[in-house]
Amino acid sequence: MSKQDEITIYDKVRMGLKLSYEKLLQRKAALGQDMVFADENGMPRVVPAKEALSEYLSKCSDKH
């Protein structure tokens, strides 16, 4: 497998994970559910999915 093939596969996996995570946030936001994340100390932090989705989308748009 060439280096370019590895990069292509990596990019496909990364985009698939990104899409899957975004769909999860959208689905949970539509249902009014929460997301649970770990804070900087490893402790659980509960965030409304709508808030998490908004934050995620703003971070994604900052990259472009």
C-alpha atoms as a PDB file:
ATOM      1  CA  MET A   1       0.000   0.000   0.000  1.00  0.00           C
ATOM      2  CA  SER A   2       1.426   3.359  -0.995  1.00  0.00           C
ATOM      3  CA  LYS A   3       1.667   6.355   1.271  1.00  0.00           C
ATOM      4  CA  GLN A   4      -1.044   8.073  -0.784  1.00  0.00           C
ATOM      5  CA  ASP A   5      -3.366   5.072  -0.304  1.00  0.00           C
ATOM      6  CA  GLU A   6      -2.823   5.279   3.455  1.00  0.00           C
ATOM      7  CA  ILE A   7      -3.626   8.999   3.435  1.00  0.00           C
ATOM      8  CA  THR A   8      -6.777   8.377   1.379  1.00  0.00           C
ATOM      9  CA  ILE A   9      -7.982   5.674   3.771  1.00  0.00           C
ATOM     10  CA  TYR A  10      -7.197   7.862   6.787  1.00  0.00           C
ATOM     11  CA  ASP A  11      -9.165  10.761   5.274  1.00  0.00           C
ATOM     12  CA  LYS A  12     -12.167   8.523   4.565  1.00  0.00           C
ATOM     13  CA  VAL A  13     -12.174   7.168   8.119  1.00  0.00           C
ATOM     14  CA  ARG A  14     -11.809  10.667   9.591  1.00  0.00           C
ATOM     15  CA  MET A  15     -14.684  12.036   7.497  1.00  0.00           C
ATOM     16  CA  GLY A  16     -16.854   9.029   8.395  1.00  0.00           C
ATOM     17  CA  LEU A  17     -16.250   9.574  12.104  1.00  0.00           C
ATOM     18  CA  LYS A  18     -16.969  13.290  11.758  1.00  0.00           C
ATOM     19  CA  LEU A  19     -20.242  12.619   9.916  1.00  0.00           C
ATOM     20  CA  SER A  20     -21.283   9.965  12.432  1.00  0.00           C
ATOM     21  CA  TYR A  21     -20.617  12.281  15.387  1.00  0.00           C
ATOM     22  CA  GLU A  22     -22.498  15.157  13.751  1.00  0.00           C
ATOM     23  CA  LYS A  23     -25.510  12.901  13.054  1.00  0.00           C
ATOM     24  CA  LEU A  24     -25.460  11.699  16.675  1.00  0.00           C
ATOM     25  CA  LEU A  25     -25.514  15.297  17.928  1.00  0.00           C
ATOM     26  CA  GLN A  26     -28.337  16.207  15.531  1.00  0.00           C
ATOM     27  CA  ARG A  27     -30.427  13.202  16.552  1.00  0.00           C
ATOM     28  CA  LYS A  28     -29.964  13.811  20.281  1.00  0.00           C
ATOM     29  CA  ALA A  29     -30.651  17.548  19.866  1.00  0.00           C
ATOM     30  CA  ALA A  30     -33.888  16.807  17.981  1.00  0.00           C
ATOM     31  CA  LEU A  31     -34.980  14.535  20.827  1.00  0.00           C
ATOM     32  CA  GLY A  32     -34.056  17.104  23.505  1.00  0.00           C
ATOM     33  CA  GLN A  33     -31.449  14.812  25.039  1.00  0.00           C
ATOM     34  CA  ASP A  34     -28.134  15.509  26.726  1.00  0.00           C
ATOM     35  CA  MET A  35     -24.567  14.544  25.867  1.00  0.00           C
ATOM     36  CA  VAL A  36     -22.075  13.423  28.493  1.00  0.00           C
ATOM     37  CA  PHE A  37     -18.452  14.502  28.065  1.00  0.00           C
ATOM     38  CA  ALA A  38     -15.390  14.270  30.286  1.00  0.00           C
ATOM     39  CA  ASP A  39     -14.006  17.558  31.571  1.00  0.00           C
ATOM     40  CA  GLU A  40     -10.289  18.323  31.882  1.00  0.00           C
ATOM     41  CA  ASN A  41     -10.160  16.294  35.120  1.00  0.00           C
ATOM     42  CA  GLY A  42     -11.920  13.296  33.627  1.00  0.00           C
ATOM     43  CA  MET A  43     -15.149  14.004  35.478  1.00  0.00           C
ATOM     44  CA  PRO A  44     -18.473  13.660  33.650  1.00  0.00           C
ATOM     45  CA  ARG A  45     -20.023  16.857  32.318  1.00  0.00           C
ATOM     46  CA  VAL A  46     -23.626  16.840  31.050  1.00  0.00           C
ATOM     47  CA  VAL A  47     -24.429  19.266  28.226  1.00  0.00           C
ATOM     48  CA  PRO A  48     -27.686  19.675  26.307  1.00  0.00           C
ATOM     49  CA  ALA A  49     -27.179  18.189  22.843  1.00  0.00           C
ATOM     50  CA  LYS A  50     -28.428  21.413  21.201  1.00  0.00           C
ATOM     51  CA  GLU A  51     -25.628  23.309  22.922  1.00  0.00           C
ATOM     52  CA  ALA A  52     -23.049  20.658  22.025  1.00  0.00           C
ATOM     53  CA  LEU A  53     -24.192  20.677  18.385  1.00  0.00           C
ATOM     54  CA  SER A  54     -24.013  24.447  18.192  1.00  0.00           C
ATOM     55  CA  GLU A  55     -20.512  24.455  19.657  1.00  0.00           C
ATOM     56  CA  TYR A  56     -19.389  21.656  17.340  1.00  0.00           C
ATOM     57  CA  LEU A  57     -20.720  23.385  14.223  1.00  0.00           C
ATOM     58  CA  SER A  58     -19.105  26.686  15.179  1.00  0.00           C
ATOM     59  CA  LYS A  59     -15.752  24.948  15.654  1.00  0.00           C
ATOM     60  CA  CYS A  60     -16.128  23.228  12.277  1.00  0.00           C
ATOM     61  CA  SER A  61     -16.919  26.490  10.518  1.00  0.00           C
ATOM     62  CA  ASP A  62     -13.907  28.175  12.189  1.00  0.00           C
ATOM     63  CA  LYS A  63     -11.620  25.648  10.476  1.00  0.00           C
ATOM     64  CA  HIS A  64     -12.812  26.634   6.984  1.00  0.00           C
END
